Amino acid sequence: MDFLDIMKQRKSCRAYQPDKPVAREDLLKIVEAGRLTPSGCNSQPWKFIVVDSPEAKEKLCDAIVTNEGMTGAPWRRQVPAFIILVEQPAKVMPAVVNHYRDAQRFAQGDIGAACMNMCHEAFSLGLGTCIIGVNEQAKMEKHFGIPHGCEVRMVLAVGYAVDPSPVAKVRKPLDEVCCFNAWK
């Protein structure tokens, strides 16, 4: 399948078949797609935690609800597996740190790219995904042993969609988001 066809068909899934587990072999393929993602200075500033046991999923479902009750995933309990994407300290060239005064300058973009590669690999395996950005960091640290200072950037829900049929995407026109040689 042409990559743009994948992009046109892939959608965020918010309705999963809860009784259809995702094989660990497939979860590892998805993580491998994240691991192979390019990163600034090849820093690979990520750690991926796969969550697929009932006990761990219960903890994750708690951690993606803030102390104020906000969640980006009210459907979270039907998801068969999750992958937590954690930002680790990046090891970049000293010149980058000197210029930007920040070793983590590229880390969030790198993790976002890894997450999208994981979404595309999941799609190629017939799986649905949804990126969840809301979480309670202290709960993540407590439930999953994440060291303080390693920020959970997102959680990827993974499973078989109730309705895998593609939907029409609503996107800005290309000429509104692209220009050549200067801002227009």
N, C-alpha and C. Protein backbone atom coordinates (compact mmCIF):
# COMPACT_ATOMS: atom_id res chain seq x y z
N MET A 1 0.86 -1.19 0.00
CA MET A 1 0.00 0.00 0.00
C MET A 1 0.89 1.24 0.00
N ASP A 2 0.54 2.20 -0.80
CA ASP A 2 1.25 3.48 -0.86
C ASP A 2 1.12 4.19 0.49
N PHE A 3 2.19 4.86 0.92
CA PHE A 3 2.19 5.50 2.24
C PHE A 3 1.08 6.55 2.37
N LEU A 4 0.85 7.35 1.34
CA LEU A 4 -0.23 8.34 1.42
C LEU A 4 -1.59 7.68 1.55
N ASP A 5 -1.75 6.49 0.97
CA ASP A 5 -3.01 5.76 1.16
C ASP A 5 -3.18 5.38 2.63
N ILE A 6 -2.09 4.95 3.27
CA ILE A 6 -2.14 4.65 4.70
C ILE A 6 -2.55 5.90 5.47
N MET A 7 -1.93 7.03 5.14
CA MET A 7 -2.24 8.28 5.82
C MET A 7 -3.72 8.67 5.65
N LYS A 8 -4.25 8.43 4.47
CA LYS A 8 -5.64 8.78 4.21
C LYS A 8 -6.61 7.86 4.94
N GLN A 9 -6.21 6.61 5.17
CA GLN A 9 -7.11 5.64 5.79
C GLN A 9 -6.98 5.55 7.31
N ARG A 10 -5.80 5.80 7.83
CA ARG A 10 -5.59 5.68 9.27
C ARG A 10 -6.39 6.73 10.02
N LYS A 11 -7.04 6.32 11.10
CA LYS A 11 -7.84 7.25 11.90
C LYS A 11 -7.62 6.93 13.37
N SER A 12 -7.94 7.88 14.22
CA SER A 12 -7.89 7.63 15.66
C SER A 12 -9.09 6.77 16.04
N CYS A 13 -8.81 5.71 16.78
CA CYS A 13 -9.84 4.75 17.16
C CYS A 13 -10.25 5.00 18.61
N ARG A 14 -11.54 5.10 18.84
CA ARG A 14 -12.05 5.32 20.19
C ARG A 14 -13.10 4.28 20.58
N ALA A 15 -13.21 3.23 19.78
CA ALA A 15 -14.12 2.12 20.09
C ALA A 15 -13.41 0.82 19.73
N TYR A 16 -13.02 0.07 20.75
CA TYR A 16 -12.23 -1.14 20.58
C TYR A 16 -13.02 -2.39 20.93
N GLN A 17 -12.58 -3.52 20.39
CA GLN A 17 -13.13 -4.82 20.75
C GLN A 17 -12.40 -5.28 22.01
N PRO A 18 -12.99 -5.10 23.19
CA PRO A 18 -12.27 -5.34 24.44
C PRO A 18 -11.89 -6.80 24.68
N ASP A 19 -12.61 -7.73 24.06
CA ASP A 19 -12.34 -9.15 24.28
C ASP A 19 -11.41 -9.75 23.23
N LYS A 20 -10.83 -8.92 22.40
CA LYS A 20 -9.90 -9.40 21.37
C LYS A 20 -8.50 -8.85 21.69
N PRO A 21 -7.68 -9.65 22.38
CA PRO A 21 -6.36 -9.15 22.79
C PRO A 21 -5.43 -8.94 21.59
N VAL A 22 -4.43 -8.10 21.81
CA VAL A 22 -3.40 -7.85 20.80
C VAL A 22 -2.22 -8.76 21.14
N ALA A 23 -1.77 -9.51 20.16
CA ALA A 23 -0.64 -10.42 20.37
C ALA A 23 0.61 -9.65 20.75
N ARG A 24 1.37 -10.17 21.68
CA ARG A 24 2.62 -9.51 22.07
C ARG A 24 3.57 -9.36 20.89
N GLU A 25 3.54 -10.32 19.99
CA GLU A 25 4.36 -10.23 18.78
C GLU A 25 4.03 -8.95 18.00
N ASP A 26 2.74 -8.63 17.89
CA ASP A 26 2.33 -7.42 17.19
C ASP A 26 2.71 -6.17 18.00
N LEU A 27 2.55 -6.24 19.32
CA LEU A 27 2.95 -5.10 20.16
C LEU A 27 4.44 -4.83 20.02
N LEU A 28 5.24 -5.89 19.93
CA LEU A 28 6.69 -5.70 19.76
C LEU A 28 7.02 -5.13 18.39
N LYS A 29 6.28 -5.50 17.36
CA LYS A 29 6.47 -4.91 16.03
C LYS A 29 6.17 -3.41 16.08
N ILE A 30 5.13 -3.05 16.80
CA ILE A 30 4.76 -1.63 16.93
C ILE A 30 5.86 -0.87 17.66
N VAL A 31 6.35 -1.43 18.75
CA VAL A 31 7.44 -0.79 19.49
C VAL A 31 8.71 -0.71 18.63
N GLU A 32 8.96 -1.73 17.83
CA GLU A 32 10.13 -1.71 16.95
C GLU A 32 10.04 -0.54 15.96
N ALA A 33 8.84 -0.25 15.48
CA ALA A 33 8.67 0.90 14.58
C ALA A 33 9.03 2.19 15.31
N GLY A 34 8.69 2.29 16.59
CA GLY A 34 9.08 3.46 17.37
C GLY A 34 10.58 3.51 17.60
N ARG A 35 11.15 2.37 17.93
CA ARG A 35 12.60 2.29 18.21
C ARG A 35 13.44 2.68 17.00
N LEU A 36 12.96 2.35 15.81
CA LEU A 36 13.71 2.64 14.58
C LEU A 36 13.57 4.08 14.08
N THR A 37 12.76 4.87 14.76
CA THR A 37 12.52 6.25 14.34
C THR A 37 13.79 7.09 14.47
N PRO A 38 14.08 7.93 13.47
CA PRO A 38 15.22 8.85 13.61
C PRO A 38 14.98 9.82 14.76
N SER A 39 16.07 10.29 15.35
CA SER A 39 15.97 11.27 16.43
C SER A 39 17.13 12.25 16.34
N GLY A 40 16.92 13.46 16.87
CA GLY A 40 17.95 14.49 16.86
C GLY A 40 19.23 13.99 17.52
N CYS A 41 20.34 14.07 16.82
CA CYS A 41 21.65 13.61 17.30
C CYS A 41 21.62 12.13 17.66
N ASN A 42 20.68 11.39 17.08
CA ASN A 42 20.50 9.97 17.38
C ASN A 42 20.37 9.73 18.88
N SER A 43 19.74 10.67 19.56
CA SER A 43 19.65 10.60 21.03
C SER A 43 18.68 9.54 21.53
N GLN A 44 17.68 9.18 20.71
CA GLN A 44 16.69 8.16 21.08
C GLN A 44 16.19 8.41 22.51
N PRO A 45 15.56 9.57 22.74
CA PRO A 45 15.20 9.98 24.10
C PRO A 45 13.91 9.36 24.61
N TRP A 46 13.73 8.06 24.40
CA TRP A 46 12.46 7.43 24.73
C TRP A 46 12.63 6.11 25.46
N LYS A 47 11.59 5.76 26.15
CA LYS A 47 11.42 4.43 26.73
C LYS A 47 9.96 4.10 26.50
N PHE A 48 9.68 2.88 26.06
CA PHE A 48 8.32 2.45 25.76
C PHE A 48 7.91 1.38 26.77
N ILE A 49 6.81 1.59 27.45
CA ILE A 49 6.29 0.62 28.41
C ILE A 49 5.00 0.06 27.83
N VAL A 50 5.01 -1.24 27.52
CA VAL A 50 3.83 -1.91 26.99
C VAL A 50 2.98 -2.37 28.16
N VAL A 51 1.71 -2.03 28.11
CA VAL A 51 0.76 -2.36 29.18
C VAL A 51 -0.32 -3.26 28.59
N ASP A 52 -0.31 -4.55 29.01
CA ASP A 52 -1.33 -5.45 28.48
C ASP A 52 -1.92 -6.41 29.51
N SER A 53 -1.41 -6.42 30.73
CA SER A 53 -2.01 -7.29 31.75
C SER A 53 -3.20 -6.56 32.37
N PRO A 54 -4.20 -7.30 32.85
CA PRO A 54 -5.37 -6.64 33.46
C PRO A 54 -5.00 -5.72 34.63
N GLU A 55 -4.05 -6.14 35.46
CA GLU A 55 -3.66 -5.32 36.61
C GLU A 55 -2.98 -4.03 36.16
N ALA A 56 -2.06 -4.15 35.22
CA ALA A 56 -1.36 -2.96 34.72
C ALA A 56 -2.31 -2.03 33.97
N LYS A 57 -3.24 -2.60 33.21
CA LYS A 57 -4.22 -1.77 32.48
C LYS A 57 -5.10 -1.00 33.46
N GLU A 58 -5.46 -1.62 34.58
CA GLU A 58 -6.26 -0.93 35.59
C GLU A 58 -5.49 0.27 36.15
N LYS A 59 -4.21 0.08 36.40
CA LYS A 59 -3.37 1.19 36.90
C LYS A 59 -3.26 2.29 35.84
N LEU A 60 -3.09 1.87 34.59
CA LEU A 60 -2.98 2.85 33.51
C LEU A 60 -4.28 3.63 33.38
N CYS A 61 -5.41 2.94 33.46
CA CYS A 61 -6.71 3.62 33.36
C CYS A 61 -6.87 4.66 34.46
N ASP A 62 -6.31 4.38 35.63
CA ASP A 62 -6.31 5.35 36.73
C ASP A 62 -5.40 6.53 36.41
N ALA A 63 -4.23 6.24 35.85
CA ALA A 63 -3.22 7.28 35.63
C ALA A 63 -3.54 8.22 34.47
N ILE A 64 -4.45 7.82 33.58
CA ILE A 64 -4.80 8.73 32.48
C ILE A 64 -6.06 9.54 32.80
N VAL A 65 -6.35 9.62 34.08
CA VAL A 65 -7.37 10.54 34.59
C VAL A 65 -6.66 11.45 35.58
N THR A 66 -6.76 12.76 35.37
CA THR A 66 -6.08 13.69 36.26
C THR A 66 -6.76 13.72 37.62
N ASN A 67 -6.09 14.29 38.59
CA ASN A 67 -6.67 14.42 39.93
C ASN A 67 -7.96 15.25 39.90
N GLU A 68 -8.12 16.08 38.87
CA GLU A 68 -9.33 16.90 38.72
C GLU A 68 -10.43 16.15 37.96
N GLY A 69 -10.14 14.92 37.52
CA GLY A 69 -11.14 14.12 36.81
C GLY A 69 -11.13 14.25 35.30
N MET A 70 -10.17 14.99 34.75
CA MET A 70 -10.10 15.14 33.29
C MET A 70 -9.43 13.92 32.67
N THR A 71 -9.97 13.48 31.54
CA THR A 71 -9.34 12.40 30.77
C THR A 71 -9.56 12.65 29.29
N GLY A 72 -8.61 12.21 28.51
CA GLY A 72 -8.77 12.27 27.06
C GLY A 72 -9.30 10.96 26.51
N ALA A 73 -9.62 10.03 27.42
CA ALA A 73 -10.03 8.70 26.97
C ALA A 73 -11.13 8.12 27.86
N PRO A 74 -12.35 8.64 27.75
CA PRO A 74 -13.43 8.08 28.56
C PRO A 74 -13.73 6.62 28.21
N TRP A 75 -13.26 6.15 27.08
CA TRP A 75 -13.45 4.79 26.57
C TRP A 75 -12.29 3.87 26.96
N ARG A 76 -11.40 4.31 27.82
CA ARG A 76 -10.13 3.63 28.12
C ARG A 76 -10.27 2.19 28.59
N ARG A 77 -11.33 1.85 29.28
CA ARG A 77 -11.45 0.50 29.86
C ARG A 77 -11.70 -0.59 28.82
N GLN A 78 -12.04 -0.22 27.60
CA GLN A 78 -12.25 -1.22 26.55
C GLN A 78 -10.99 -1.49 25.72
N VAL A 79 -9.91 -0.78 25.99
CA VAL A 79 -8.68 -0.90 25.20
C VAL A 79 -7.89 -2.14 25.64
N PRO A 80 -7.53 -3.01 24.69
CA PRO A 80 -6.80 -4.24 25.04
C PRO A 80 -5.34 -4.02 25.44
N ALA A 81 -4.69 -2.97 24.92
CA ALA A 81 -3.27 -2.73 25.24
C ALA A 81 -2.96 -1.25 25.08
N PHE A 82 -1.95 -0.84 25.81
CA PHE A 82 -1.46 0.54 25.73
C PHE A 82 0.06 0.51 25.63
N ILE A 83 0.61 1.58 25.09
CA ILE A 83 2.06 1.78 25.11
C ILE A 83 2.31 3.17 25.67
N ILE A 84 3.04 3.23 26.77
CA ILE A 84 3.38 4.51 27.39
C ILE A 84 4.68 4.99 26.76
N LEU A 85 4.70 6.22 26.28
CA LEU A 85 5.90 6.81 25.69
C LEU A 85 6.49 7.81 26.68
N VAL A 86 7.66 7.49 27.17
CA VAL A 86 8.31 8.27 28.22
C VAL A 86 9.54 8.97 27.64
N GLU A 87 9.67 10.24 27.97
CA GLU A 87 10.85 11.01 27.55
C GLU A 87 11.96 10.80 28.57
N GLN A 88 13.12 10.38 28.06
CA GLN A 88 14.31 10.22 28.89
C GLN A 88 15.29 11.35 28.59
N PRO A 89 16.25 11.57 29.46
CA PRO A 89 17.26 12.60 29.16
C PRO A 89 17.96 12.29 27.84
N ALA A 90 18.04 13.29 26.99
CA ALA A 90 18.68 13.13 25.68
C ALA A 90 20.17 13.41 25.78
N LYS A 91 20.91 12.63 25.04
CA LYS A 91 22.35 12.86 24.93
C LYS A 91 22.58 13.41 23.53
N VAL A 92 22.78 14.72 23.46
CA VAL A 92 22.97 15.39 22.17
C VAL A 92 24.36 16.01 22.12
N MET A 93 24.73 16.47 20.95
CA MET A 93 26.04 17.10 20.76
C MET A 93 26.16 18.34 21.64
N PRO A 94 27.33 18.56 22.21
CA PRO A 94 27.52 19.75 23.04
C PRO A 94 27.16 21.06 22.33
N ALA A 95 27.41 21.13 21.03
CA ALA A 95 27.08 22.35 20.28
C ALA A 95 25.57 22.63 20.31
N VAL A 96 24.76 21.58 20.30
CA VAL A 96 23.30 21.76 20.36
C VAL A 96 22.92 22.35 21.72
N VAL A 97 23.49 21.79 22.79
CA VAL A 97 23.20 22.29 24.13
C VAL A 97 23.68 23.74 24.25
N ASN A 98 24.86 24.04 23.73
CA ASN A 98 25.39 25.41 23.80
C ASN A 98 24.50 26.39 23.04
N HIS A 99 23.99 25.97 21.90
CA HIS A 99 23.18 26.88 21.09
C HIS A 99 21.78 27.08 21.69
N TYR A 100 21.13 25.99 22.07
CA TYR A 100 19.75 26.08 22.54
C TYR A 100 19.63 26.14 24.06
N ARG A 101 20.72 25.87 24.77
CA ARG A 101 20.71 25.81 26.24
C ARG A 101 19.71 24.77 26.75
N ASP A 102 19.54 23.71 25.95
CA ASP A 102 18.54 22.71 26.30
C ASP A 102 18.86 21.39 25.59
N ALA A 103 19.26 20.38 26.34
CA ALA A 103 19.55 19.07 25.76
C ALA A 103 18.29 18.38 25.26
N GLN A 104 17.13 18.79 25.75
CA GLN A 104 15.87 18.16 25.37
C GLN A 104 15.20 18.86 24.19
N ARG A 105 15.90 19.75 23.54
CA ARG A 105 15.35 20.58 22.46
C ARG A 105 14.54 19.77 21.44
N PHE A 106 15.02 18.61 21.06
CA PHE A 106 14.37 17.83 20.00
C PHE A 106 13.53 16.67 20.53
N ALA A 107 13.60 16.41 21.83
CA ALA A 107 13.04 15.18 22.39
C ALA A 107 11.54 15.02 22.15
N GLN A 108 10.76 16.07 22.38
CA GLN A 108 9.31 15.93 22.21
C GLN A 108 8.94 15.66 20.75
N GLY A 109 9.60 16.32 19.84
CA GLY A 109 9.36 16.05 18.42
C GLY A 109 9.77 14.64 18.05
N ASP A 110 10.89 14.18 18.60
CA ASP A 110 11.35 12.81 18.34
C ASP A 110 10.33 11.79 18.83
N ILE A 111 9.80 12.02 20.03
CA ILE A 111 8.82 11.09 20.60
C ILE A 111 7.52 11.13 19.81
N GLY A 112 7.12 12.30 19.35
CA GLY A 112 5.94 12.40 18.50
C GLY A 112 6.12 11.63 17.20
N ALA A 113 7.31 11.73 16.61
CA ALA A 113 7.59 10.99 15.37
C ALA A 113 7.56 9.49 15.64
N ALA A 114 8.14 9.06 16.76
CA ALA A 114 8.13 7.64 17.12
C ALA A 114 6.69 7.16 17.29
N CYS A 115 5.87 7.98 17.92
CA CYS A 115 4.47 7.60 18.14
C CYS A 115 3.74 7.43 16.81
N MET A 116 3.96 8.33 15.87
CA MET A 116 3.28 8.20 14.58
C MET A 116 3.78 6.98 13.81
N ASN A 117 5.07 6.68 13.90
CA ASN A 117 5.55 5.46 13.25
C ASN A 117 4.88 4.24 13.86
N MET A 118 4.68 4.28 15.17
CA MET A 118 4.00 3.18 15.85
C MET A 118 2.54 3.09 15.39
N CYS A 119 1.89 4.22 15.22
CA CYS A 119 0.50 4.23 14.73
C CYS A 119 0.42 3.62 13.33
N HIS A 120 1.38 3.96 12.47
CA HIS A 120 1.36 3.44 11.11
C HIS A 120 1.64 1.94 11.07
N GLU A 121 2.57 1.48 11.91
CA GLU A 121 2.83 0.04 11.97
C GLU A 121 1.60 -0.69 12.48
N ALA A 122 0.95 -0.15 13.50
CA ALA A 122 -0.27 -0.77 14.02
C ALA A 122 -1.32 -0.86 12.91
N PHE A 123 -1.48 0.21 12.16
CA PHE A 123 -2.45 0.22 11.06
C PHE A 123 -2.12 -0.88 10.05
N SER A 124 -0.83 -1.04 9.74
CA SER A 124 -0.43 -2.06 8.77
C SER A 124 -0.72 -3.47 9.29
N LEU A 125 -0.86 -3.62 10.60
CA LEU A 125 -1.18 -4.91 11.21
C LEU A 125 -2.68 -5.10 11.43
N GLY A 126 -3.48 -4.12 10.97
CA GLY A 126 -4.92 -4.21 11.12
C GLY A 126 -5.43 -3.75 12.47
N LEU A 127 -4.62 -2.98 13.17
CA LEU A 127 -4.96 -2.50 14.51
C LEU A 127 -5.31 -1.02 14.51
N GLY A 128 -6.17 -0.62 15.41
CA GLY A 128 -6.51 0.78 15.60
C GLY A 128 -5.68 1.36 16.73
N THR A 129 -5.47 2.67 16.69
CA THR A 129 -4.71 3.37 17.73
C THR A 129 -5.34 4.73 18.02
N CYS A 130 -5.05 5.23 19.21
CA CYS A 130 -5.40 6.60 19.55
C CYS A 130 -4.34 7.13 20.49
N ILE A 131 -3.86 8.32 20.21
CA ILE A 131 -2.85 8.97 21.05
C ILE A 131 -3.56 9.70 22.17
N ILE A 132 -3.18 9.39 23.40
CA ILE A 132 -3.78 10.01 24.58
C ILE A 132 -2.72 10.92 25.20
N GLY A 133 -3.04 12.20 25.32
CA GLY A 133 -2.08 13.15 25.85
C GLY A 133 -2.27 13.49 27.31
N VAL A 134 -3.42 13.14 27.87
CA VAL A 134 -3.72 13.51 29.26
C VAL A 134 -3.27 12.38 30.19
N ASN A 135 -2.52 12.74 31.23
CA ASN A 135 -2.16 11.77 32.26
C ASN A 135 -1.75 12.52 33.52
N GLU A 136 -1.69 11.78 34.59
CA GLU A 136 -1.23 12.33 35.88
C GLU A 136 0.16 11.76 36.13
N GLN A 137 1.19 12.59 35.97
CA GLN A 137 2.58 12.14 36.03
C GLN A 137 2.90 11.40 37.33
N ALA A 138 2.44 11.91 38.46
CA ALA A 138 2.74 11.27 39.74
C ALA A 138 2.17 9.85 39.79
N LYS A 139 0.98 9.66 39.24
CA LYS A 139 0.40 8.32 39.20
C LYS A 139 1.21 7.42 38.27
N MET A 140 1.65 7.95 37.15
CA MET A 140 2.47 7.16 36.22
C MET A 140 3.75 6.70 36.92
N GLU A 141 4.40 7.61 37.61
CA GLU A 141 5.63 7.26 38.32
C GLU A 141 5.37 6.18 39.35
N LYS A 142 4.29 6.34 40.12
CA LYS A 142 3.96 5.39 41.18
C LYS A 142 3.60 4.02 40.60
N HIS A 143 2.70 3.99 39.63
CA HIS A 143 2.18 2.73 39.10
C HIS A 143 3.19 1.96 38.26
N PHE A 144 4.09 2.67 37.56
CA PHE A 144 4.96 2.01 36.59
C PHE A 144 6.45 2.15 36.89
N GLY A 145 6.79 2.72 38.05
CA GLY A 145 8.19 2.82 38.43
C GLY A 145 8.99 3.76 37.55
N ILE A 146 8.33 4.72 36.95
CA ILE A 146 9.01 5.68 36.08
C ILE A 146 9.81 6.64 36.96
N PRO A 147 11.10 6.80 36.67
CA PRO A 147 11.91 7.69 37.51
C PRO A 147 11.43 9.14 37.43
N HIS A 148 11.51 9.83 38.56
CA HIS A 148 11.18 11.26 38.58
C HIS A 148 12.10 11.97 37.59
N GLY A 149 11.55 12.86 36.80
CA GLY A 149 12.32 13.57 35.79
C GLY A 149 12.19 12.97 34.40
N CYS A 150 11.62 11.78 34.31
CA CYS A 150 11.32 11.16 33.01
C CYS A 150 9.83 11.35 32.77
N GLU A 151 9.51 12.24 31.86
CA GLU A 151 8.13 12.69 31.64
C GLU A 151 7.37 11.76 30.70
N VAL A 152 6.16 11.36 31.10
CA VAL A 152 5.28 10.64 30.19
C VAL A 152 4.73 11.67 29.21
N ARG A 153 5.04 11.49 27.94
CA ARG A 153 4.61 12.46 26.92
C ARG A 153 3.27 12.09 26.31
N MET A 154 3.01 10.78 26.18
CA MET A 154 1.74 10.34 25.62
C MET A 154 1.57 8.85 25.88
N VAL A 155 0.36 8.41 25.71
CA VAL A 155 0.03 7.00 25.82
C VAL A 155 -0.67 6.62 24.52
N LEU A 156 -0.28 5.48 23.97
CA LEU A 156 -0.90 5.01 22.74
C LEU A 156 -1.83 3.84 23.06
N ALA A 157 -3.11 4.02 22.79
CA ALA A 157 -4.08 2.94 22.92
C ALA A 157 -3.98 2.08 21.66
N VAL A 158 -4.01 0.75 21.83
CA VAL A 158 -3.85 -0.17 20.70
C VAL A 158 -4.87 -1.30 20.82
N GLY A 159 -5.56 -1.58 19.72
CA GLY A 159 -6.49 -2.69 19.72
C GLY A 159 -7.21 -2.81 18.40
N TYR A 160 -8.13 -3.75 18.36
CA TYR A 160 -8.94 -3.96 17.16
C TYR A 160 -10.16 -3.05 17.22
N ALA A 161 -10.34 -2.25 16.18
CA ALA A 161 -11.45 -1.30 16.13
C ALA A 161 -12.78 -2.03 15.98
N VAL A 162 -13.80 -1.50 16.62
CA VAL A 162 -15.16 -2.01 16.43
C VAL A 162 -15.55 -1.80 14.97
N ASP A 163 -15.23 -0.64 14.43
CA ASP A 163 -15.53 -0.32 13.02
C ASP A 163 -14.26 0.18 12.36
N PRO A 164 -13.54 -0.71 11.65
CA PRO A 164 -12.28 -0.29 11.03
C PRO A 164 -12.42 0.46 9.71
N SER A 165 -13.64 0.68 9.24
CA SER A 165 -13.80 1.35 7.95
C SER A 165 -13.28 2.78 8.01
N PRO A 166 -12.63 3.22 6.91
CA PRO A 166 -12.07 4.57 6.90
C PRO A 166 -13.17 5.63 6.90
N VAL A 167 -12.82 6.79 7.41
CA VAL A 167 -13.72 7.94 7.38
C VAL A 167 -13.03 9.07 6.63
N ALA A 168 -13.82 9.95 6.06
CA ALA A 168 -13.25 11.10 5.35
C ALA A 168 -12.54 12.01 6.35
N LYS A 169 -11.32 12.37 6.05
CA LYS A 169 -10.57 13.25 6.94
C LYS A 169 -10.91 14.70 6.64
N VAL A 170 -10.97 15.49 7.69
CA VAL A 170 -11.17 16.92 7.55
C VAL A 170 -9.81 17.57 7.79
N ARG A 171 -9.23 18.08 6.76
CA ARG A 171 -7.92 18.71 6.84
C ARG A 171 -7.95 20.03 6.08
N LYS A 172 -7.09 20.94 6.51
CA LYS A 172 -6.96 22.20 5.77
C LYS A 172 -6.43 21.89 4.38
N PRO A 173 -6.76 22.71 3.39
CA PRO A 173 -6.24 22.48 2.04
C PRO A 173 -4.72 22.63 2.02
N LEU A 174 -4.08 21.92 1.11
CA LEU A 174 -2.63 21.93 1.00
C LEU A 174 -2.08 23.34 0.81
N ASP A 175 -2.73 24.15 -0.03
CA ASP A 175 -2.22 25.51 -0.28
C ASP A 175 -2.35 26.42 0.95
N GLU A 176 -3.11 26.00 1.95
CA GLU A 176 -3.23 26.79 3.18
C GLU A 176 -2.11 26.46 4.17
N VAL A 177 -1.53 25.28 4.05
CA VAL A 177 -0.51 24.88 5.00
C VAL A 177 0.89 24.75 4.39
N CYS A 178 1.00 24.98 3.08
CA CYS A 178 2.30 24.84 2.41
C CYS A 178 2.58 26.04 1.52
N CYS A 179 3.81 26.51 1.61
CA CYS A 179 4.27 27.55 0.68
C CYS A 179 5.73 27.24 0.35
N PHE A 180 6.21 27.83 -0.72
CA PHE A 180 7.59 27.58 -1.16
C PHE A 180 8.44 28.82 -0.95
N ASN A 181 9.60 28.62 -0.40
CA ASN A 181 10.69 29.60 -0.33
C ASN A 181 10.49 30.76 0.63
N ALA A 182 9.29 31.01 1.10
CA ALA A 182 9.04 32.05 2.09
C ALA A 182 7.62 31.89 2.63
N TRP A 183 7.39 32.45 3.79
CA TRP A 183 6.05 32.42 4.41
C TRP A 183 5.10 33.25 3.56
N LYS A 184 3.98 32.67 3.21
CA LYS A 184 2.98 33.41 2.43
C LYS A 184 1.62 33.19 3.02
